[in-house]
Amino acid sequence: QRGGARRRGRRPLNAVASDDDEQVPETVLPTDKFYHGRVLRLSNGRQTGVVRSRSGRDIPFTFQHVVMLGDKRRFEDLHVGTAIGYDVSWTQRGLRVSVMKILD
């Protein structure tokens, strides 16, 4: 039934939880809102590099287009293996690192 109140045996979406419903444990949220990874490769001449995410995905960046946060903001502060927090954005060439913070 389209727009119906029941969804395959579950309570309606607008129903109020009762005391006998299961209590969902609170999850601990990370202290920052960044993805975490490590610098995999760097090219000093072109000031580009690749970040490897925790899930194993390689995400490239061009330092000129990255907003650096934190105390360490220079390309020279990055080294292979440096732990970083980062955010990404979509470009014409695919996914790229757009914001970076050095965690080490």
PDB file of N, CA and C in Angstrom:
ATOM      1  N   GLN A   1       0.849  -1.169   0.000  1.00  0.00           N
ATOM      2  CA  GLN A   1       0.000   0.000   0.000  1.00  0.00           C
ATOM      3  C   GLN A   1       0.896   1.233   0.000  1.00  0.00           C
ATOM      4  N   ARG A   2       0.692   2.069  -0.957  1.00  0.00           N
ATOM      5  CA  ARG A   2       1.523   3.260  -1.102  1.00  0.00           C
ATOM      6  C   ARG A   2       1.201   4.275  -0.014  1.00  0.00           C
ATOM      7  N   GLY A   3       2.250   4.779   0.670  1.00  0.00           N
ATOM      8  CA  GLY A   3       2.051   5.778   1.712  1.00  0.00           C
ATOM      9  C   GLY A   3       1.480   5.204   2.990  1.00  0.00           C
ATOM     10  N   GLY A   4       1.470   3.894   3.117  1.00  0.00           N
ATOM     11  CA  GLY A   4       0.904   3.256   4.304  1.00  0.00           C
ATOM     12  C   GLY A   4       1.743   3.502   5.536  1.00  0.00           C
ATOM     13  N   ALA A   5       1.141   3.266   6.701  1.00  0.00           N
ATOM     14  CA  ALA A   5       1.811   3.520   7.965  1.00  0.00           C
ATOM     15  C   ALA A   5       2.742   2.384   8.374  1.00  0.00           C
ATOM     16  N   ARG A   6       2.528   1.200   7.830  1.00  0.00           N
ATOM     17  CA  ARG A   6       3.337   0.047   8.243  1.00  0.00           C
ATOM     18  C   ARG A   6       4.350  -0.293   7.163  1.00  0.00           C
ATOM     19  N   ARG A   7       5.545  -0.713   7.627  1.00  0.00           N
ATOM     20  CA  ARG A   7       6.605  -1.122   6.709  1.00  0.00           C
ATOM     21  C   ARG A   7       7.053  -2.511   7.107  1.00  0.00           C
ATOM     22  N   ARG A   8       6.534  -3.523   6.474  1.00  0.00           N
ATOM     23  CA  ARG A   8       6.934  -4.918   6.666  1.00  0.00           C
ATOM     24  C   ARG A   8       7.035  -5.319   8.140  1.00  0.00           C
ATOM     25  N   GLY A   9       6.005  -5.080   8.894  1.00  0.00           N
ATOM     26  CA  GLY A   9       5.968  -5.543  10.266  1.00  0.00           C
ATOM     27  C   GLY A   9       6.623  -4.610  11.272  1.00  0.00           C
ATOM     28  N   ARG A  10       7.167  -3.517  10.838  1.00  0.00           N
ATOM     29  CA  ARG A  10       7.773  -2.555  11.771  1.00  0.00           C
ATOM     30  C   ARG A  10       6.722  -1.563  12.224  1.00  0.00           C
ATOM     31  N   ARG A  11       7.017  -0.857  13.306  1.00  0.00           N
ATOM     32  CA  ARG A  11       6.064   0.140  13.782  1.00  0.00           C
ATOM     33  C   ARG A  11       6.073   1.342  12.827  1.00  0.00           C
ATOM     34  N   PRO A  12       5.032   2.124  12.822  1.00  0.00           N
ATOM     35  CA  PRO A  12       4.967   3.290  11.927  1.00  0.00           C
ATOM     36  C   PRO A  12       6.108   4.262  12.208  1.00  0.00           C
ATOM     37  N   LEU A  13       6.510   5.002  11.184  1.00  0.00           N
ATOM     38  CA  LEU A  13       7.627   5.943  11.323  1.00  0.00           C
ATOM     39  C   LEU A  13       7.352   7.022  12.358  1.00  0.00           C
ATOM     40  N   ASN A  14       6.090   7.401  12.523  1.00  0.00           N
ATOM     41  CA  ASN A  14       5.763   8.474  13.461  1.00  0.00           C
ATOM     42  C   ASN A  14       5.395   7.957  14.848  1.00  0.00           C
ATOM     43  N   ALA A  15       5.585   6.669  15.108  1.00  0.00           N
ATOM     44  CA  ALA A  15       5.253   6.091  16.410  1.00  0.00           C
ATOM     45  C   ALA A  15       6.272   6.514  17.460  1.00  0.00           C
ATOM     46  N   VAL A  16       5.805   6.660  18.681  1.00  0.00           N
ATOM     47  CA  VAL A  16       6.663   7.030  19.792  1.00  0.00           C
ATOM     48  C   VAL A  16       7.230   5.761  20.417  1.00  0.00           C
ATOM     49  N   ALA A  17       8.522   5.780  20.747  1.00  0.00           N
ATOM     50  CA  ALA A  17       9.167   4.607  21.346  1.00  0.00           C
ATOM     51  C   ALA A  17       8.597   4.367  22.735  1.00  0.00           C
ATOM     52  N   SER A  18       8.370   3.106  23.055  1.00  0.00           N
ATOM     53  CA  SER A  18       7.864   2.761  24.386  1.00  0.00           C
ATOM     54  C   SER A  18       9.007   2.231  25.245  1.00  0.00           C
ATOM     55  N   ASP A  19       8.716   2.012  26.539  1.00  0.00           N
ATOM     56  CA  ASP A  19       9.746   1.550  27.463  1.00  0.00           C
ATOM     57  C   ASP A  19      10.248   0.154  27.138  1.00  0.00           C
ATOM     58  N   ASP A  20       9.388  -0.680  26.515  1.00  0.00           N
ATOM     59  CA  ASP A  20       9.829  -2.036  26.228  1.00  0.00           C
ATOM     60  C   ASP A  20      10.580  -2.155  24.900  1.00  0.00           C
ATOM     61  N   ASP A  21      10.769  -1.044  24.177  1.00  0.00           N
ATOM     62  CA  ASP A  21      11.622  -1.067  22.980  1.00  0.00           C
ATOM     63  C   ASP A  21      13.075  -1.204  23.408  1.00  0.00           C
ATOM     64  N   GLU A  22      13.894  -1.795  22.532  1.00  0.00           N
ATOM     65  CA  GLU A  22      15.313  -1.935  22.836  1.00  0.00           C
ATOM     66  C   GLU A  22      15.982  -0.571  22.925  1.00  0.00           C
ATOM     67  N   GLN A  23      16.885  -0.433  23.876  1.00  0.00           N
ATOM     68  CA  GLN A  23      17.649   0.798  24.010  1.00  0.00           C
ATOM     69  C   GLN A  23      18.855   0.734  23.084  1.00  0.00           C
ATOM     70  N   VAL A  24      19.024   1.729  22.258  1.00  0.00           N
ATOM     71  CA  VAL A  24      20.157   1.773  21.334  1.00  0.00           C
ATOM     72  C   VAL A  24      21.331   2.409  22.069  1.00  0.00           C
ATOM     73  N   PRO A  25      22.479   1.710  22.144  1.00  0.00           N
ATOM     74  CA  PRO A  25      23.624   2.286  22.850  1.00  0.00           C
ATOM     75  C   PRO A  25      24.156   3.505  22.097  1.00  0.00           C
ATOM     76  N   GLU A  26      24.612   4.486  22.848  1.00  0.00           N
ATOM     77  CA  GLU A  26      25.183   5.680  22.234  1.00  0.00           C
ATOM     78  C   GLU A  26      26.533   5.320  21.626  1.00  0.00           C
ATOM     79  N   THR A  27      26.788   5.845  20.465  1.00  0.00           N
ATOM     80  CA  THR A  27      28.070   5.602  19.821  1.00  0.00           C
ATOM     81  C   THR A  27      29.004   6.758  20.117  1.00  0.00           C
ATOM     82  N   VAL A  28      30.265   6.449  20.224  1.00  0.00           N
ATOM     83  CA  VAL A  28      31.262   7.475  20.487  1.00  0.00           C
ATOM     84  C   VAL A  28      31.664   8.087  19.149  1.00  0.00           C
ATOM     85  N   LEU A  29      31.465   9.378  19.021  1.00  0.00           N
ATOM     86  CA  LEU A  29      31.820  10.064  17.782  1.00  0.00           C
ATOM     87  C   LEU A  29      33.269  10.518  17.849  1.00  0.00           C
ATOM     88  N   PRO A  30      33.966  10.545  16.712  1.00  0.00           N
ATOM     89  CA  PRO A  30      35.343  11.029  16.716  1.00  0.00           C
ATOM     90  C   PRO A  30      35.393  12.504  17.091  1.00  0.00           C
ATOM     91  N   THR A  31      36.544  12.941  17.582  1.00  0.00           N
ATOM     92  CA  THR A  31      36.681  14.319  18.036  1.00  0.00           C
ATOM     93  C   THR A  31      36.756  15.300  16.874  1.00  0.00           C
ATOM     94  N   ASP A  32      37.029  14.827  15.680  1.00  0.00           N
ATOM     95  CA  ASP A  32      37.020  15.712  14.523  1.00  0.00           C
ATOM     96  C   ASP A  32      36.132  15.108  13.438  1.00  0.00           C
ATOM     97  N   LYS A  33      35.853  15.887  12.429  1.00  0.00           N
ATOM     98  CA  LYS A  33      34.953  15.432  11.372  1.00  0.00           C
ATOM     99  C   LYS A  33      35.712  15.174  10.079  1.00  0.00           C
ATOM    100  N   PHE A  34      36.938  14.677  10.188  1.00  0.00           N
ATOM    101  CA  PHE A  34      37.767  14.385   9.028  1.00  0.00           C
ATOM    102  C   PHE A  34      37.819  12.894   8.769  1.00  0.00           C
ATOM    103  N   TYR A  35      38.046  12.545   7.505  1.00  0.00           N
ATOM    104  CA  TYR A  35      38.473  11.195   7.195  1.00  0.00           C
ATOM    105  C   TYR A  35      39.922  11.089   7.642  1.00  0.00           C
ATOM    106  N   HIS A  36      40.380   9.896   7.974  1.00  0.00           N
ATOM    107  CA  HIS A  36      41.757   9.725   8.412  1.00  0.00           C
ATOM    108  C   HIS A  36      42.511   8.836   7.437  1.00  0.00           C
ATOM    109  N   GLY A  37      43.773   9.183   7.211  1.00  0.00           N
ATOM    110  CA  GLY A  37      44.602   8.404   6.317  1.00  0.00           C
ATOM    111  C   GLY A  37      46.062   8.764   6.491  1.00  0.00           C
ATOM    112  N   ARG A  38      46.883   8.329   5.536  1.00  0.00           N
ATOM    113  CA  ARG A  38      48.318   8.610   5.574  1.00  0.00           C
ATOM    114  C   ARG A  38      48.782   9.037   4.195  1.00  0.00           C
ATOM    115  N   VAL A  39      49.830   9.854   4.173  1.00  0.00           N
ATOM    116  CA  VAL A  39      50.417  10.272   2.911  1.00  0.00           C
ATOM    117  C   VAL A  39      51.132   9.067   2.312  1.00  0.00           C
ATOM    118  N   LEU A  40      50.793   8.734   1.078  1.00  0.00           N
ATOM    119  CA  LEU A  40      51.366   7.565   0.417  1.00  0.00           C
ATOM    120  C   LEU A  40      52.538   7.956  -0.479  1.00  0.00           C
ATOM    121  N   ARG A  41      52.362   9.011  -1.273  1.00  0.00           N
ATOM    122  CA  ARG A  41      53.411   9.485  -2.184  1.00  0.00           C
ATOM    123  C   ARG A  41      53.415  10.999  -2.218  1.00  0.00           C
ATOM    124  N   LEU A  42      54.597  11.569  -2.467  1.00  0.00           N
ATOM    125  CA  LEU A  42      54.748  13.015  -2.636  1.00  0.00           C
ATOM    126  C   LEU A  42      55.656  13.284  -3.823  1.00  0.00           C
ATOM    127  N   SER A  43      55.347  14.348  -4.554  1.00  0.00           N
ATOM    128  CA  SER A  43      56.202  14.829  -5.626  1.00  0.00           C
ATOM    129  C   SER A  43      56.581  16.262  -5.286  1.00  0.00           C
ATOM    130  N   ASN A  44      57.829  16.452  -4.828  1.00  0.00           N
ATOM    131  CA  ASN A  44      58.254  17.771  -4.362  1.00  0.00           C
ATOM    132  C   ASN A  44      58.244  18.824  -5.468  1.00  0.00           C
ATOM    133  N   GLY A  45      58.652  18.460  -6.663  1.00  0.00           N
ATOM    134  CA  GLY A  45      58.721  19.433  -7.755  1.00  0.00           C
ATOM    135  C   GLY A  45      57.364  19.985  -8.134  1.00  0.00           C
ATOM    136  N   ARG A  46      56.380  19.111  -8.256  1.00  0.00           N
ATOM    137  CA  ARG A  46      55.038  19.543  -8.662  1.00  0.00           C
ATOM    138  C   ARG A  46      54.135  19.849  -7.473  1.00  0.00           C
ATOM    139  N   GLN A  47      54.614  19.571  -6.281  1.00  0.00           N
ATOM    140  CA  GLN A  47      53.842  19.722  -5.031  1.00  0.00           C
ATOM    141  C   GLN A  47      52.491  19.013  -5.133  1.00  0.00           C
ATOM    142  N   THR A  48      52.558  17.754  -5.481  1.00  0.00           N
ATOM    143  CA  THR A  48      51.377  16.897  -5.531  1.00  0.00           C
ATOM    144  C   THR A  48      51.632  15.675  -4.667  1.00  0.00           C
ATOM    145  N   GLY A  49      50.586  14.922  -4.428  1.00  0.00           N
ATOM    146  CA  GLY A  49      50.753  13.714  -3.642  1.00  0.00           C
ATOM    147  C   GLY A  49      49.517  12.850  -3.691  1.00  0.00           C
ATOM    148  N   VAL A  50      49.597  11.753  -2.955  1.00  0.00           N
ATOM    149  CA  VAL A  50      48.494  10.805  -2.869  1.00  0.00           C
ATOM    150  C   VAL A  50      48.311  10.439  -1.400  1.00  0.00           C
ATOM    151  N   VAL A  51      47.057  10.425  -0.965  1.00  0.00           N
ATOM    152  CA  VAL A  51      46.690  10.025   0.391  1.00  0.00           C
ATOM    153  C   VAL A  51      46.035   8.659   0.303  1.00  0.00           C
ATOM    154  N   ARG A  52      46.398   7.747   1.201  1.00  0.00           N
ATOM    155  CA  ARG A  52      45.731   6.450   1.279  1.00  0.00           C
ATOM    156  C   ARG A  52      44.766   6.498   2.457  1.00  0.00           C
ATOM    157  N   SER A  53      43.503   6.260   2.165  1.00  0.00           N
ATOM    158  CA  SER A  53      42.479   6.279   3.205  1.00  0.00           C
ATOM    159  C   SER A  53      42.581   5.020   4.056  1.00  0.00           C
ATOM    160  N   ARG A  54      41.879   4.999   5.161  1.00  0.00           N
ATOM    161  CA  ARG A  54      41.880   3.812   6.030  1.00  0.00           C
ATOM    162  C   ARG A  54      41.294   2.602   5.322  1.00  0.00           C
ATOM    163  N   SER A  55      40.407   2.864   4.370  1.00  0.00           N
ATOM    164  CA  SER A  55      39.794   1.752   3.639  1.00  0.00           C
ATOM    165  C   SER A  55      40.659   1.276   2.473  1.00  0.00           C
ATOM    166  N   GLY A  56      41.805   1.950   2.242  1.00  0.00           N
ATOM    167  CA  GLY A  56      42.720   1.525   1.193  1.00  0.00           C
ATOM    168  C   GLY A  56      42.582   2.261  -0.121  1.00  0.00           C
ATOM    169  N   ARG A  57      41.736   3.254  -0.182  1.00  0.00           N
ATOM    170  CA  ARG A  57      41.547   4.028  -1.409  1.00  0.00           C
ATOM    171  C   ARG A  57      42.635   5.086  -1.535  1.00  0.00           C
ATOM    172  N   ASP A  58      43.187   5.242  -2.731  1.00  0.00           N
ATOM    173  CA  ASP A  58      44.205   6.260  -2.993  1.00  0.00           C
ATOM    174  C   ASP A  58      43.534   7.502  -3.565  1.00  0.00           C
ATOM    175  N   ILE A  59      43.741   8.652  -2.906  1.00  0.00           N
ATOM    176  CA  ILE A  59      43.104   9.903  -3.304  1.00  0.00           C
ATOM    177  C   ILE A  59      44.195  10.934  -3.562  1.00  0.00           C
ATOM    178  N   PRO A  60      44.296  11.451  -4.782  1.00  0.00           N
ATOM    179  CA  PRO A  60      45.354  12.403  -5.109  1.00  0.00           C
ATOM    180  C   PRO A  60      45.039  13.814  -4.607  1.00  0.00           C
ATOM    181  N   PHE A  61      46.066  14.642  -4.541  1.00  0.00           N
ATOM    182  CA  PHE A  61      45.887  16.058  -4.220  1.00  0.00           C
ATOM    183  C   PHE A  61      46.975  16.883  -4.895  1.00  0.00           C
ATOM    184  N   THR A  62      46.642  18.125  -5.153  1.00  0.00           N
ATOM    185  CA  THR A  62      47.587  19.146  -5.592  1.00  0.00           C
ATOM    186  C   THR A  62      47.628  20.168  -4.471  1.00  0.00           C
ATOM    187  N   PHE A  63      48.794  20.376  -3.889  1.00  0.00           N
ATOM    188  CA  PHE A  63      48.905  21.194  -2.682  1.00  0.00           C
ATOM    189  C   PHE A  63      48.331  22.598  -2.886  1.00  0.00           C
ATOM    190  N   GLN A  64      48.483  23.136  -4.056  1.00  0.00           N
ATOM    191  CA  GLN A  64      47.978  24.474  -4.371  1.00  0.00           C
ATOM    192  C   GLN A  64      46.467  24.574  -4.150  1.00  0.00           C
ATOM    193  N   HIS A  65      45.745  23.466  -4.307  1.00  0.00           N
ATOM    194  CA  HIS A  65      44.283  23.460  -4.202  1.00  0.00           C
ATOM    195  C   HIS A  65      43.783  22.903  -2.873  1.00  0.00           C
ATOM    196  N   VAL A  66      44.680  22.679  -1.920  1.00  0.00           N
ATOM    197  CA  VAL A  66      44.308  22.117  -0.622  1.00  0.00           C
ATOM    198  C   VAL A  66      44.314  23.213   0.427  1.00  0.00           C
ATOM    199  N   VAL A  67      43.253  23.275   1.222  1.00  0.00           N
ATOM    200  CA  VAL A  67      43.196  24.194   2.363  1.00  0.00           C
ATOM    201  C   VAL A  67      43.819  23.459   3.544  1.00  0.00           C
ATOM    202  N   MET A  68      44.922  24.003   4.075  1.00  0.00           N
ATOM    203  CA  MET A  68      45.617  23.372   5.202  1.00  0.00           C
ATOM    204  C   MET A  68      45.100  23.956   6.518  1.00  0.00           C
ATOM    205  N   LEU A  69      44.842  23.083   7.478  1.00  0.00           N
ATOM    206  CA  LEU A  69      44.396  23.494   8.812  1.00  0.00           C
ATOM    207  C   LEU A  69      45.433  23.056   9.837  1.00  0.00           C
ATOM    208  N   GLY A  70      45.433  23.700  10.976  1.00  0.00           N
ATOM    209  CA  GLY A  70      46.357  23.324  12.049  1.00  0.00           C
ATOM    210  C   GLY A  70      47.632  24.146  12.016  1.00  0.00           C
ATOM    211  N   ASP A  71      48.612  23.735  12.857  1.00  0.00           N
ATOM    212  CA  ASP A  71      49.868  24.470  12.985  1.00  0.00           C
ATOM    213  C   ASP A  71      50.795  24.262  11.795  1.00  0.00           C
ATOM    214  N   LYS A  72      50.805  23.053  11.261  1.00  0.00           N
ATOM    215  CA  LYS A  72      51.697  22.735  10.147  1.00  0.00           C
ATOM    216  C   LYS A  72      50.938  22.910   8.841  1.00  0.00           C
ATOM    217  N   ARG A  73      51.314  23.936   8.058  1.00  0.00           N
ATOM    218  CA  ARG A  73      50.561  24.280   6.855  1.00  0.00           C
ATOM    219  C   ARG A  73      51.393  24.288   5.586  1.00  0.00           C
ATOM    220  N   ARG A  74      52.668  23.934   5.661  1.00  0.00           N
ATOM    221  CA  ARG A  74      53.530  23.988   4.477  1.00  0.00           C
ATOM    222  C   ARG A  74      53.655  22.611   3.838  1.00  0.00           C
ATOM    223  N   PHE A  75      53.954  22.599   2.541  1.00  0.00           N
ATOM    224  CA  PHE A  75      54.170  21.334   1.850  1.00  0.00           C
ATOM    225  C   PHE A  75      55.357  20.602   2.455  1.00  0.00           C
ATOM    226  N   GLU A  76      56.344  21.344   2.922  1.00  0.00           N
ATOM    227  CA  GLU A  76      57.542  20.742   3.518  1.00  0.00           C
ATOM    228  C   GLU A  76      57.235  20.004   4.819  1.00  0.00           C
ATOM    229  N   ASP A  77      56.090  20.273   5.439  1.00  0.00           N
ATOM    230  CA  ASP A  77      55.689  19.584   6.662  1.00  0.00           C
ATOM    231  C   ASP A  77      55.119  18.186   6.383  1.00  0.00           C
ATOM    232  N   LEU A  78      54.790  17.919   5.126  1.00  0.00           N
ATOM    233  CA  LEU A  78      54.270  16.604   4.745  1.00  0.00           C
ATOM    234  C   LEU A  78      55.409  15.652   4.431  1.00  0.00           C
ATOM    235  N   HIS A  79      55.288  14.425   4.873  1.00  0.00           N
ATOM    236  CA  HIS A  79      56.265  13.371   4.592  1.00  0.00           C
ATOM    237  C   HIS A  79      55.494  12.090   4.311  1.00  0.00           C
ATOM    238  N   VAL A  80      56.085  11.171   3.594  1.00  0.00           N
ATOM    239  CA  VAL A  80      55.462   9.877   3.347  1.00  0.00           C
ATOM    240  C   VAL A  80      55.234   9.196   4.696  1.00  0.00           C
ATOM    241  N   GLY A  81      54.018   8.739   4.920  1.00  0.00           N
ATOM    242  CA  GLY A  81      53.668   8.080   6.179  1.00  0.00           C
ATOM    243  C   GLY A  81      53.047   9.005   7.211  1.00  0.00           C
ATOM    244  N   THR A  82      52.998  10.303   6.939  1.00  0.00           N
ATOM    245  CA  THR A  82      52.404  11.260   7.880  1.00  0.00           C
ATOM    246  C   THR A  82      50.915  10.993   8.022  1.00  0.00           C
ATOM    247  N   ALA A  83      50.441  10.896   9.259  1.00  0.00           N
ATOM    248  CA  ALA A  83      49.010  10.723   9.521  1.00  0.00           C
ATOM    249  C   ALA A  83      48.310  12.052   9.321  1.00  0.00           C
ATOM    250  N   ILE A  84      47.215  12.028   8.587  1.00  0.00           N
ATOM    251  CA  ILE A  84      46.481  13.263   8.320  1.00  0.00           C
ATOM    252  C   ILE A  84      44.983  13.036   8.480  1.00  0.00           C
ATOM    253  N   GLY A  85      44.287  14.135   8.743  1.00  0.00           N
ATOM    254  CA  GLY A  85      42.839  14.183   8.620  1.00  0.00           C
ATOM    255  C   GLY A  85      42.554  14.954   7.350  1.00  0.00           C
ATOM    256  N   TYR A  86      41.537  14.566   6.608  1.00  0.00           N
ATOM    257  CA  TYR A  86      41.290  15.227   5.333  1.00  0.00           C
ATOM    258  C   TYR A  86      39.815  15.191   4.978  1.00  0.00           C
ATOM    259  N   ASP A  87      39.453  16.047   4.040  1.00  0.00           N
ATOM    260  CA  ASP A  87      38.134  16.019   3.440  1.00  0.00           C
ATOM    261  C   ASP A  87      38.326  16.010   1.935  1.00  0.00           C
ATOM    262  N   VAL A  88      37.326  15.609   1.206  1.00  0.00           N
ATOM    263  CA  VAL A  88      37.450  15.458  -0.241  1.00  0.00           C
ATOM    264  C   VAL A  88      36.379  16.265  -0.957  1.00  0.00           C
ATOM    265  N   SER A  89      36.603  16.479  -2.238  1.00  0.00           N
ATOM    266  CA  SER A  89      35.593  17.085  -3.096  1.00  0.00           C
ATOM    267  C   SER A  89      35.726  16.479  -4.480  1.00  0.00           C
ATOM    268  N   TRP A  90      34.650  16.579  -5.247  1.00  0.00           N
ATOM    269  CA  TRP A  90      34.640  16.041  -6.601  1.00  0.00           C
ATOM    270  C   TRP A  90      35.095  17.110  -7.576  1.00  0.00           C
ATOM    271  N   THR A  91      35.941  16.728  -8.512  1.00  0.00           N
ATOM    272  CA  THR A  91      36.389  17.615  -9.578  1.00  0.00           C
ATOM    273  C   THR A  91      36.102  16.925 -10.909  1.00  0.00           C
ATOM    274  N   GLN A  92      36.461  17.590 -11.992  1.00  0.00           N
ATOM    275  CA  GLN A  92      36.277  16.980 -13.312  1.00  0.00           C
ATOM    276  C   GLN A  92      37.126  15.727 -13.453  1.00  0.00           C
ATOM    277  N   ARG A  93      38.187  15.648 -12.693  1.00  0.00           N
ATOM    278  CA  ARG A  93      39.090  14.491 -12.760  1.00  0.00           C
ATOM    279  C   ARG A  93      38.817  13.468 -11.663  1.00  0.00           C
ATOM    280  N   GLY A  94      37.718  13.619 -10.958  1.00  0.00           N
ATOM    281  CA  GLY A  94      37.353  12.649  -9.924  1.00  0.00           C
ATOM    282  C   GLY A  94      37.549  13.198  -8.527  1.00  0.00           C
ATOM    283  N   LEU A  95      37.649  12.304  -7.572  1.00  0.00           N
ATOM    284  CA  LEU A  95      37.766  12.647  -6.161  1.00  0.00           C
ATOM    285  C   LEU A  95      39.156  13.198  -5.853  1.00  0.00           C
ATOM    286  N   ARG A  96      39.234  14.313  -5.122  1.00  0.00           N
ATOM    287  CA  ARG A  96      40.504  14.935  -4.747  1.00  0.00           C
ATOM    288  C   ARG A  96      40.437  15.389  -3.295  1.00  0.00           C
ATOM    289  N   VAL A  97      41.599  15.417  -2.629  1.00  0.00           N
ATOM    290  CA  VAL A  97      41.679  15.949  -1.266  1.00  0.00           C
ATOM    291  C   VAL A  97      41.543  17.466  -1.365  1.00  0.00           C
ATOM    292  N   SER A  98      40.650  18.059  -0.558  1.00  0.00           N
ATOM    293  CA  SER A  98      40.448  19.505  -0.612  1.00  0.00           C
ATOM    294  C   SER A  98      40.839  20.203   0.694  1.00  0.00           C
ATOM    295  N   VAL A  99      40.765  19.491   1.806  1.00  0.00           N
ATOM    296  CA  VAL A  99      41.130  20.043   3.117  1.00  0.00           C
ATOM    297  C   VAL A  99      42.015  19.011   3.811  1.00  0.00           C
ATOM    298  N   MET A 100      43.081  19.495   4.450  1.00  0.00           N
ATOM    299  CA  MET A 100      44.016  18.565   5.097  1.00  0.00           C
ATOM    300  C   MET A 100      44.507  19.147   6.406  1.00  0.00           C
ATOM    301  N   LYS A 101      44.673  18.265   7.404  1.00  0.00           N
ATOM    302  CA  LYS A 101      45.241  18.645   8.683  1.00  0.00           C
ATOM    303  C   LYS A 101      46.236  17.570   9.100  1.00  0.00           C
ATOM    304  N   ILE A 102      47.458  17.972   9.401  1.00  0.00           N
ATOM    305  CA  ILE A 102      48.482  17.026   9.818  1.00  0.00           C
ATOM    306  C   ILE A 102      48.226  16.643  11.270  1.00  0.00           C
ATOM    307  N   LEU A 103      48.146  15.349  11.537  1.00  0.00           N
ATOM    308  CA  LEU A 103      47.823  14.863  12.882  1.00  0.00           C
ATOM    309  C   LEU A 103      49.028  14.494  13.703  1.00  0.00           C
ATOM    310  N   ASP A 104      50.152  14.172  13.077  1.00  0.00           N
ATOM    311  CA  ASP A 104      51.374  13.758  13.812  1.00  0.00           C
ATOM    312  C   ASP A 104      51.935  14.897  14.630  1.00  0.00           C
TER     313      ASP A 104
END
